[in-house]
Amino acid sequence: METNKIILGFSGGPDSTFLLQKLVSENKEVIAAHVNYHLRKESDEEEKLVKIFCKEKNVKVFVKDVSEKDWKKYAYLKNKQAIAREIRYDFYLQLAKKHKCDYIYIAHHKDDFIETALMQEKKSKDYLFYGLKKENYYKGFILKRPLLKIYKKDIIDFLIKNEIKFANDKTNLLPIYTRNIIRSNLKKKTFEEKEVIYDNFVQINKTKENIRKKVKIYFEELIKNNYSWELFNNIPLKYKKYVLYNIFISWNTRININSQKLNASVNFLKNKNLNKQYRLMKNVFLTVNQGKITLLNK
């Protein structure tokens, strides 16, 4: 039974401030979740701003103070951005379970969709979906992104017009991450130029819709059969690596799942000598146990 309670990832930045304002105006029951990484001198001031805004809106807010222990817990991810994301999303998940919320809302917008799609295109031409989905799952919970058709400029314009305060993380524009470089380049584009890029990825996604549907069917059948090795090997080759990608995601792993690793994993699973293991990352191996595809942690 749905309760319609929402966990909102609330940084205090313009995007999440806009979304919180929107949800409150729609009389949604919202719980704000703020993460203080203590990585910047402005972090504590931003936390104060978050608490003040939530108090004004009569919204409950919970804060995660990230410690050295938290960073060490996810150290296997190596990439600091990936670790921060995992800490953040696991905090949202913890609150969603505790407060019996149906959804976790994330304030990604149209520019984020384009940035993500461009990053994916830079890595590979082989994605089944470019950009960000309006809905997907994180460890069994539904993530919703209701702002994917709104540009950042429109969000900022609304907040300024309505004199709503928000935090501004200046590191988002520093050219220290690939996404930030892409973001800086996008800021130079006109509205029309960004629309062309956006529409192009939307069309690409539409052309791959039938493949995504097939992959979904095969993947759900595998889940029903507890990741049967035999069933996996009966899947047509052109779908196998996409199905395997969904398997890795369903296991909530944060393996660096690139196309090369997927192809190597598919080839490994063809092997009838099932006593072997394929190393996915440090101390994590793909293997087959009693006819079932599984991960082995050493």
Foldseek 3Di string as FASTA:
>chain_A
DAPQEEEEACALALLSLLVVVVCLVVVGQYEYEYEQAVPDPCRVVSVVSVVVSCVVSVHHYDYHYDDPVQCVVPCLLVDPVVSVVVVSVVSSVVVCVVVVHQEYEYRDAQLQQLLQQVVVVVQHPDDLAGGDDQWDDAQRGIYGHPHHHPDPVVSVVVCVVVVNDGDDDPVCCPPPDSSNVVSVVVVPDDPVVSVVSSVVRVVSNVVSVVLVVVLVVLLVVCVVVQQFLVSLVVPPPVNNLVSVVVVCVNVVDSFPDGPVLSVVVVVVSVDPPQVDWDDRGVQWTWGADPRHTDIGGD
